[in-house]
């Protein structure tokens, strides 16, 4: 009997020039990256930054693209990319084309799901951010008062 053998790997599609030293330590250092990648979009998008154990950026991925007021976020896709990237830490963000940076209960629920799934693979979810076209950003961790570096257990 013959069986098919498979191998998974990431395919790097393109590179983007960012104004950064290549490391992300929190909201302020993640802000310019997510603003550049998501902020001006007229539809909601979810972005993922994968980091190594020193907080050096491994890669960025647009996880999903929605419509003007919602986006479906695939927890499995986020974890798959993080694992294939050998990420120790991740940051996620999505944009609000409306400009309103209110954190919804859905934002908190999906952050919790991502955090719990990441924990299963010893990946630290540093934060979940929301950006808009006015170059504003809000941290879900900061808004709910979480002081640990890991928001997996919100």
N, C-alpha and C. Protein backbone atom coordinates (compact mmCIF):
# COMPACT_ATOMS: atom_id res chain seq x y z
N UNK A 1 0.84 -1.18 0.00
CA UNK A 1 0.00 0.00 0.00
C UNK A 1 0.89 1.25 0.00
N UNK A 2 0.51 2.22 -0.79
CA UNK A 2 1.22 3.49 -0.82
C UNK A 2 0.39 4.54 -0.10
N UNK A 3 1.06 5.36 0.67
CA UNK A 3 0.38 6.48 1.32
C UNK A 3 1.03 7.78 0.86
N UNK A 4 0.25 8.82 0.89
CA UNK A 4 0.77 10.13 0.50
C UNK A 4 1.50 10.75 1.68
N UNK A 5 2.66 11.28 1.42
CA UNK A 5 3.44 11.97 2.44
C UNK A 5 3.29 13.47 2.21
N UNK A 6 3.01 14.18 3.26
CA UNK A 6 2.81 15.63 3.14
C UNK A 6 3.84 16.37 3.97
N UNK A 7 4.05 17.59 3.60
CA UNK A 7 4.95 18.47 4.31
C UNK A 7 4.34 19.86 4.29
N UNK A 8 4.31 20.51 5.43
CA UNK A 8 3.77 21.86 5.51
C UNK A 8 4.90 22.86 5.60
N UNK A 9 4.73 23.98 4.94
CA UNK A 9 5.70 25.06 5.05
C UNK A 9 5.01 26.37 4.73
N UNK A 10 5.58 27.43 5.26
CA UNK A 10 5.06 28.76 4.94
C UNK A 10 5.62 29.21 3.61
N UNK A 11 4.81 29.90 2.86
CA UNK A 11 5.27 30.50 1.60
C UNK A 11 5.27 32.01 1.80
N UNK A 12 6.43 32.61 1.71
CA UNK A 12 6.53 34.06 1.83
C UNK A 12 6.19 34.68 0.49
N UNK A 13 5.11 35.46 0.44
CA UNK A 13 4.60 36.01 -0.81
C UNK A 13 5.28 37.31 -1.22
N UNK A 14 5.57 38.16 -0.26
CA UNK A 14 6.17 39.45 -0.55
C UNK A 14 6.75 40.04 0.73
N UNK A 15 7.50 41.12 0.61
CA UNK A 15 8.05 41.81 1.76
C UNK A 15 7.52 43.22 1.80
N UNK A 16 7.40 43.76 3.00
CA UNK A 16 6.93 45.12 3.20
C UNK A 16 7.99 45.84 4.02
N UNK A 17 8.34 47.04 3.60
CA UNK A 17 9.31 47.85 4.35
C UNK A 17 8.60 48.53 5.51
N UNK A 18 9.08 48.30 6.71
CA UNK A 18 8.49 48.89 7.91
C UNK A 18 9.50 49.80 8.59
N UNK A 19 8.98 50.82 9.25
CA UNK A 19 9.83 51.69 10.03
C UNK A 19 9.88 51.12 11.45
N UNK A 20 10.81 50.21 11.67
CA UNK A 20 10.95 49.56 12.97
C UNK A 20 12.34 48.97 13.06
N UNK A 21 12.78 48.71 14.28
CA UNK A 21 14.07 48.06 14.45
C UNK A 21 13.95 46.54 14.37
N UNK A 22 12.73 46.07 14.11
CA UNK A 22 12.51 44.63 13.96
C UNK A 22 12.07 43.94 15.23
N UNK A 23 11.86 44.71 16.29
CA UNK A 23 11.42 44.14 17.57
C UNK A 23 10.12 44.80 18.00
N UNK A 24 9.28 44.04 18.68
CA UNK A 24 8.02 44.56 19.20
C UNK A 24 7.95 44.24 20.69
N UNK A 25 7.78 45.29 21.50
CA UNK A 25 7.75 45.10 22.95
C UNK A 25 6.38 45.40 23.55
N UNK A 26 5.49 45.98 22.78
CA UNK A 26 4.18 46.32 23.30
C UNK A 26 3.41 47.15 22.30
N UNK A 27 2.39 47.83 22.79
CA UNK A 27 1.49 48.59 21.94
C UNK A 27 2.23 49.64 21.12
N UNK A 28 3.10 50.40 21.75
CA UNK A 28 3.76 51.51 21.05
C UNK A 28 4.67 51.04 19.92
N UNK A 29 5.33 49.91 20.09
CA UNK A 29 6.19 49.42 19.01
C UNK A 29 5.42 48.63 17.96
N UNK A 30 4.26 48.11 18.34
CA UNK A 30 3.40 47.41 17.37
C UNK A 30 2.55 48.39 16.57
N UNK A 31 2.27 49.54 17.14
CA UNK A 31 1.35 50.51 16.54
C UNK A 31 1.70 50.86 15.10
N UNK A 32 2.94 51.28 14.78
CA UNK A 32 3.21 51.67 13.39
C UNK A 32 3.06 50.52 12.40
N UNK A 33 3.33 49.32 12.85
CA UNK A 33 3.21 48.15 11.96
C UNK A 33 1.75 47.90 11.62
N UNK A 34 0.91 47.80 12.65
CA UNK A 34 -0.50 47.51 12.41
C UNK A 34 -1.21 48.69 11.73
N UNK A 35 -0.80 49.92 12.04
CA UNK A 35 -1.40 51.05 11.33
C UNK A 35 -1.08 51.00 9.85
N UNK A 36 0.16 50.66 9.52
CA UNK A 36 0.56 50.56 8.11
C UNK A 36 -0.17 49.43 7.41
N UNK A 37 -0.32 48.30 8.07
CA UNK A 37 -0.87 47.12 7.41
C UNK A 37 -2.41 47.10 7.41
N UNK A 38 -3.04 47.71 8.42
CA UNK A 38 -4.49 47.59 8.57
C UNK A 38 -5.24 48.92 8.61
N UNK A 39 -4.61 49.95 9.12
CA UNK A 39 -5.30 51.17 9.50
C UNK A 39 -6.12 51.86 8.44
N UNK A 40 -5.64 51.93 7.23
CA UNK A 40 -6.33 52.69 6.18
C UNK A 40 -7.33 51.86 5.37
N UNK A 41 -7.46 50.60 5.70
CA UNK A 41 -8.37 49.74 4.95
C UNK A 41 -9.82 50.15 5.16
N UNK A 42 -10.62 50.07 4.11
CA UNK A 42 -12.05 50.40 4.23
C UNK A 42 -12.91 49.19 4.56
N UNK A 43 -12.27 48.04 4.77
CA UNK A 43 -12.95 46.84 5.25
C UNK A 43 -12.17 46.31 6.45
N UNK A 44 -12.85 45.57 7.31
CA UNK A 44 -12.17 45.01 8.47
C UNK A 44 -11.21 43.91 8.05
N UNK A 45 -10.03 43.93 8.67
CA UNK A 45 -9.01 42.92 8.45
C UNK A 45 -8.44 42.50 9.79
N UNK A 46 -7.95 41.28 9.85
CA UNK A 46 -7.26 40.78 11.03
C UNK A 46 -5.81 40.51 10.65
N UNK A 47 -4.88 41.04 11.44
CA UNK A 47 -3.46 40.84 11.19
C UNK A 47 -2.80 40.12 12.35
N UNK A 48 -1.73 39.41 12.04
CA UNK A 48 -0.99 38.63 13.03
C UNK A 48 0.50 38.93 12.90
N UNK A 49 1.13 39.26 14.01
CA UNK A 49 2.58 39.38 14.07
C UNK A 49 3.11 38.19 14.85
N UNK A 50 4.04 37.46 14.26
CA UNK A 50 4.69 36.35 14.94
C UNK A 50 6.06 36.82 15.41
N UNK A 51 6.39 36.51 16.66
CA UNK A 51 7.64 36.95 17.27
C UNK A 51 8.41 35.76 17.82
N UNK A 52 9.73 35.91 17.90
CA UNK A 52 10.52 34.87 18.55
C UNK A 52 10.62 35.18 20.05
N UNK A 53 11.43 34.43 20.78
CA UNK A 53 11.50 34.59 22.23
C UNK A 53 12.12 35.92 22.66
N UNK A 54 12.82 36.61 21.75
CA UNK A 54 13.41 37.91 22.06
C UNK A 54 12.53 39.07 21.60
N UNK A 55 11.35 38.76 21.12
CA UNK A 55 10.38 39.74 20.58
C UNK A 55 10.77 40.26 19.21
N UNK A 56 11.67 39.57 18.53
CA UNK A 56 12.02 39.93 17.16
C UNK A 56 10.91 39.46 16.23
N UNK A 57 10.56 40.30 15.27
CA UNK A 57 9.50 39.95 14.32
C UNK A 57 9.98 38.83 13.41
N UNK A 58 9.18 37.78 13.34
CA UNK A 58 9.44 36.70 12.39
C UNK A 58 8.72 37.00 11.08
N UNK A 59 7.42 37.34 11.19
CA UNK A 59 6.64 37.65 10.00
C UNK A 59 5.32 38.30 10.37
N UNK A 60 4.63 38.76 9.36
CA UNK A 60 3.29 39.34 9.48
C UNK A 60 2.38 38.60 8.52
N UNK A 61 1.14 38.40 8.93
CA UNK A 61 0.16 37.76 8.05
C UNK A 61 -1.20 38.44 8.20
N UNK A 62 -1.85 38.69 7.06
CA UNK A 62 -3.25 39.09 7.09
C UNK A 62 -4.05 37.81 7.18
N UNK A 63 -4.73 37.62 8.28
CA UNK A 63 -5.45 36.37 8.56
C UNK A 63 -6.77 36.31 7.83
N UNK A 64 -7.51 37.41 7.86
CA UNK A 64 -8.81 37.41 7.19
C UNK A 64 -9.21 38.83 6.82
N UNK A 65 -10.09 38.90 5.82
CA UNK A 65 -10.61 40.16 5.31
C UNK A 65 -12.13 40.05 5.33
N UNK A 66 -12.77 41.05 5.92
CA UNK A 66 -14.23 41.01 6.04
C UNK A 66 -14.90 42.08 5.22
N UNK A 67 -15.94 42.68 5.81
CA UNK A 67 -16.64 43.77 5.14
C UNK A 67 -16.48 45.04 5.97
N UNK A 68 -17.35 46.01 5.78
CA UNK A 68 -17.16 47.30 6.45
C UNK A 68 -17.37 47.28 7.95
N UNK A 69 -18.09 46.28 8.46
CA UNK A 69 -18.35 46.29 9.90
C UNK A 69 -18.15 44.95 10.60
N UNK A 70 -17.54 43.99 9.94
CA UNK A 70 -17.26 42.72 10.61
C UNK A 70 -16.22 41.92 9.83
N UNK A 71 -15.63 40.97 10.54
CA UNK A 71 -14.67 40.06 9.92
C UNK A 71 -14.72 38.75 10.70
N UNK A 72 -14.64 37.65 9.99
CA UNK A 72 -14.60 36.34 10.63
C UNK A 72 -13.13 36.01 10.91
N UNK A 73 -12.84 35.72 12.16
CA UNK A 73 -11.47 35.42 12.56
C UNK A 73 -11.31 33.93 12.77
N UNK A 74 -10.36 33.33 12.08
CA UNK A 74 -10.10 31.90 12.20
C UNK A 74 -9.00 31.66 13.23
N UNK A 75 -9.38 31.15 14.39
CA UNK A 75 -8.41 30.81 15.43
C UNK A 75 -7.44 29.77 14.90
N UNK A 76 -7.95 28.79 14.18
CA UNK A 76 -7.10 27.73 13.63
C UNK A 76 -6.05 28.29 12.69
N UNK A 77 -6.42 29.25 11.85
CA UNK A 77 -5.48 29.86 10.92
C UNK A 77 -4.37 30.61 11.67
N UNK A 78 -4.75 31.32 12.72
CA UNK A 78 -3.76 32.05 13.52
C UNK A 78 -2.77 31.08 14.14
N UNK A 79 -3.27 30.02 14.75
CA UNK A 79 -2.39 29.04 15.40
C UNK A 79 -1.53 28.32 14.37
N UNK A 80 -2.11 27.97 13.24
CA UNK A 80 -1.34 27.28 12.20
C UNK A 80 -0.15 28.14 11.74
N UNK A 81 -0.40 29.40 11.48
CA UNK A 81 0.68 30.28 11.02
C UNK A 81 1.71 30.48 12.13
N UNK A 82 1.26 30.63 13.36
CA UNK A 82 2.20 30.79 14.48
C UNK A 82 3.08 29.55 14.63
N UNK A 83 2.49 28.37 14.52
CA UNK A 83 3.26 27.13 14.64
C UNK A 83 4.24 26.97 13.49
N UNK A 84 3.78 27.20 12.27
CA UNK A 84 4.67 27.07 11.11
C UNK A 84 5.79 28.12 11.12
N UNK A 85 5.56 29.21 11.82
CA UNK A 85 6.57 30.27 11.93
C UNK A 85 7.52 30.02 13.10
N UNK A 86 7.25 28.99 13.88
CA UNK A 86 8.01 28.73 15.11
C UNK A 86 7.97 29.92 16.05
N UNK A 87 6.81 30.55 16.14
CA UNK A 87 6.64 31.73 16.99
C UNK A 87 6.55 31.33 18.46
N UNK A 88 7.19 32.13 19.29
CA UNK A 88 7.07 31.98 20.74
C UNK A 88 5.98 32.90 21.27
N UNK A 89 5.75 33.99 20.54
CA UNK A 89 4.78 35.01 20.96
C UNK A 89 4.04 35.51 19.73
N UNK A 90 2.82 35.98 19.96
CA UNK A 90 2.04 36.57 18.87
C UNK A 90 1.33 37.83 19.36
N UNK A 91 1.07 38.72 18.43
CA UNK A 91 0.21 39.87 18.64
C UNK A 91 -0.81 39.85 17.51
N UNK A 92 -2.05 40.12 17.86
CA UNK A 92 -3.09 40.19 16.84
C UNK A 92 -3.68 41.59 16.85
N UNK A 93 -4.23 41.98 15.72
CA UNK A 93 -4.90 43.27 15.62
C UNK A 93 -5.94 43.20 14.53
N UNK A 94 -6.94 44.04 14.67
CA UNK A 94 -7.90 44.22 13.58
C UNK A 94 -8.26 45.70 13.53
N UNK A 95 -8.80 46.11 12.42
CA UNK A 95 -9.14 47.51 12.25
C UNK A 95 -10.65 47.71 12.33
N UNK A 96 -11.02 48.93 12.66
CA UNK A 96 -12.42 49.36 12.63
C UNK A 96 -12.51 50.50 11.61
N UNK A 97 -12.96 50.20 10.38
CA UNK A 97 -13.07 51.24 9.35
C UNK A 97 -13.98 52.40 9.76
N UNK A 98 -14.90 52.15 10.67
CA UNK A 98 -15.80 53.21 11.13
C UNK A 98 -15.05 54.27 11.91
N UNK A 99 -13.87 53.93 12.40
CA UNK A 99 -13.09 54.86 13.21
C UNK A 99 -13.34 54.72 14.70
N UNK A 100 -14.42 54.06 15.07
CA UNK A 100 -14.78 53.89 16.48
C UNK A 100 -13.95 52.76 17.07
N UNK A 101 -13.24 53.05 18.15
CA UNK A 101 -12.34 52.06 18.74
C UNK A 101 -12.94 51.34 19.95
N UNK A 102 -14.25 51.32 20.05
CA UNK A 102 -14.89 50.62 21.16
C UNK A 102 -14.59 49.13 21.08
N UNK A 103 -14.28 48.54 22.24
CA UNK A 103 -14.03 47.11 22.33
C UNK A 103 -15.37 46.42 22.56
N UNK A 104 -15.71 45.49 21.68
CA UNK A 104 -16.99 44.79 21.80
C UNK A 104 -16.81 43.49 22.58
N UNK A 105 -17.92 42.92 22.99
CA UNK A 105 -17.86 41.62 23.67
C UNK A 105 -17.32 40.55 22.71
N UNK A 106 -17.61 40.69 21.42
CA UNK A 106 -17.06 39.75 20.43
C UNK A 106 -15.54 39.87 20.35
N UNK A 107 -15.02 41.10 20.44
CA UNK A 107 -13.57 41.30 20.44
C UNK A 107 -12.93 40.57 21.62
N UNK A 108 -13.53 40.67 22.77
CA UNK A 108 -13.00 40.01 23.97
C UNK A 108 -13.11 38.50 23.84
N UNK A 109 -14.24 38.01 23.35
CA UNK A 109 -14.44 36.56 23.22
C UNK A 109 -13.43 35.93 22.26
N UNK A 110 -13.20 36.56 21.11
CA UNK A 110 -12.26 35.97 20.15
C UNK A 110 -10.84 36.06 20.68
N UNK A 111 -10.52 37.12 21.42
CA UNK A 111 -9.20 37.23 22.04
C UNK A 111 -9.00 36.09 23.04
N UNK A 112 -10.03 35.80 23.83
CA UNK A 112 -9.95 34.69 24.79
C UNK A 112 -9.73 33.36 24.08
N UNK A 113 -10.46 33.13 23.00
CA UNK A 113 -10.31 31.88 22.25
C UNK A 113 -8.90 31.74 21.68
N UNK A 114 -8.40 32.82 21.11
CA UNK A 114 -7.04 32.79 20.54
C UNK A 114 -6.02 32.55 21.64
N UNK A 115 -6.18 33.23 22.76
CA UNK A 115 -5.25 33.07 23.88
C UNK A 115 -5.23 31.66 24.43
N UNK A 116 -6.39 31.07 24.58
CA UNK A 116 -6.47 29.69 25.10
C UNK A 116 -5.86 28.70 24.12
N UNK A 117 -6.14 28.89 22.84
CA UNK A 117 -5.57 27.99 21.83
C UNK A 117 -4.05 28.14 21.77
N UNK A 118 -3.56 29.37 21.84
CA UNK A 118 -2.11 29.61 21.81
C UNK A 118 -1.44 28.96 23.02
N UNK A 119 -2.07 29.07 24.17
CA UNK A 119 -1.53 28.47 25.39
C UNK A 119 -1.30 26.97 25.25
N UNK A 120 -2.18 26.29 24.53
CA UNK A 120 -2.03 24.85 24.34
C UNK A 120 -0.71 24.50 23.68
N UNK A 121 -0.17 25.44 22.91
CA UNK A 121 1.08 25.20 22.18
C UNK A 121 2.23 26.03 22.73
N UNK A 122 2.09 26.49 23.96
CA UNK A 122 3.10 27.31 24.63
C UNK A 122 3.48 28.56 23.83
N UNK A 123 2.47 29.15 23.21
CA UNK A 123 2.66 30.41 22.49
C UNK A 123 1.97 31.50 23.31
N UNK A 124 2.68 32.59 23.54
CA UNK A 124 2.16 33.67 24.36
C UNK A 124 1.44 34.71 23.49
N UNK A 125 0.18 34.97 23.81
CA UNK A 125 -0.55 36.05 23.16
C UNK A 125 -0.26 37.32 23.95
N UNK A 126 0.52 38.21 23.37
CA UNK A 126 0.94 39.42 24.07
C UNK A 126 -0.21 40.42 24.20
N UNK A 127 -0.93 40.64 23.11
CA UNK A 127 -2.03 41.61 23.15
C UNK A 127 -2.89 41.44 21.92
N UNK A 128 -4.06 42.03 22.00
CA UNK A 128 -5.00 42.12 20.89
C UNK A 128 -5.33 43.59 20.74
N UNK A 129 -5.11 44.13 19.56
CA UNK A 129 -5.22 45.57 19.34
C UNK A 129 -6.30 45.89 18.31
N UNK A 130 -6.83 47.10 18.41
CA UNK A 130 -7.78 47.61 17.42
C UNK A 130 -7.20 48.93 16.91
N UNK A 131 -7.18 49.10 15.58
CA UNK A 131 -6.65 50.33 14.97
C UNK A 131 -7.71 50.96 14.07
N UNK A 132 -7.49 52.25 13.75
CA UNK A 132 -8.38 52.91 12.79
C UNK A 132 -7.58 53.79 11.84
N UNK A 133 -8.26 54.41 10.90
CA UNK A 133 -7.60 55.20 9.86
C UNK A 133 -7.06 56.53 10.38
N UNK A 134 -7.44 56.91 11.60
CA UNK A 134 -6.94 58.15 12.20
C UNK A 134 -5.66 57.93 12.99
N UNK A 135 -5.02 56.79 12.75
CA UNK A 135 -3.76 56.43 13.42
C UNK A 135 -3.93 56.28 14.93
N UNK A 136 -5.10 55.82 15.33
CA UNK A 136 -5.35 55.55 16.74
C UNK A 136 -5.33 54.05 16.96
N UNK A 137 -5.02 53.67 18.20
CA UNK A 137 -4.93 52.25 18.53
C UNK A 137 -5.41 52.06 19.96
N UNK A 138 -6.03 50.93 20.22
CA UNK A 138 -6.45 50.60 21.57
C UNK A 138 -6.02 49.16 21.86
N UNK A 139 -5.56 48.95 23.08
CA UNK A 139 -5.13 47.63 23.54
C UNK A 139 -6.26 47.00 24.34
N UNK A 140 -6.68 45.82 23.95
CA UNK A 140 -7.71 45.13 24.71
C UNK A 140 -7.17 44.80 26.10
N UNK A 141 -5.91 44.39 26.19
CA UNK A 141 -5.31 44.08 27.49
C UNK A 141 -5.35 45.29 28.41
N UNK A 142 -4.95 46.45 27.91
CA UNK A 142 -4.93 47.65 28.74
C UNK A 142 -6.33 48.09 29.14
N UNK A 143 -7.28 47.98 28.22
CA UNK A 143 -8.64 48.44 28.50
C UNK A 143 -9.35 47.59 29.54
N UNK A 144 -9.03 46.31 29.60
CA UNK A 144 -9.71 45.46 30.59
C UNK A 144 -8.90 45.33 31.87
N UNK A 145 -7.73 46.00 31.91
CA UNK A 145 -6.95 46.03 33.14
C UNK A 145 -6.05 44.84 33.37
N UNK A 146 -5.77 44.08 32.35
CA UNK A 146 -4.88 42.92 32.49
C UNK A 146 -3.45 43.43 32.57
N UNK A 147 -2.73 43.07 33.63
CA UNK A 147 -1.38 43.58 33.83
C UNK A 147 -0.29 42.59 33.47
N UNK A 148 -0.64 41.34 33.32
CA UNK A 148 0.37 40.36 32.93
C UNK A 148 0.76 40.58 31.47
N UNK A 149 1.88 40.00 31.06
CA UNK A 149 2.32 40.10 29.67
C UNK A 149 1.57 39.17 28.76
N UNK A 150 0.74 38.33 29.31
CA UNK A 150 0.03 37.32 28.53
C UNK A 150 -1.46 37.47 28.80
N UNK A 151 -2.25 37.70 27.77
CA UNK A 151 -3.69 37.90 27.98
C UNK A 151 -4.49 36.66 27.64
N UNK A 152 -3.86 35.52 27.67
CA UNK A 152 -4.52 34.28 27.28
C UNK A 152 -5.66 33.90 28.22
N UNK A 153 -5.61 34.38 29.44
CA UNK A 153 -6.62 33.96 30.42
C UNK A 153 -7.55 35.09 30.82
N UNK A 154 -7.96 35.91 29.87
CA UNK A 154 -8.89 37.01 30.16
C UNK A 154 -10.17 36.49 30.76
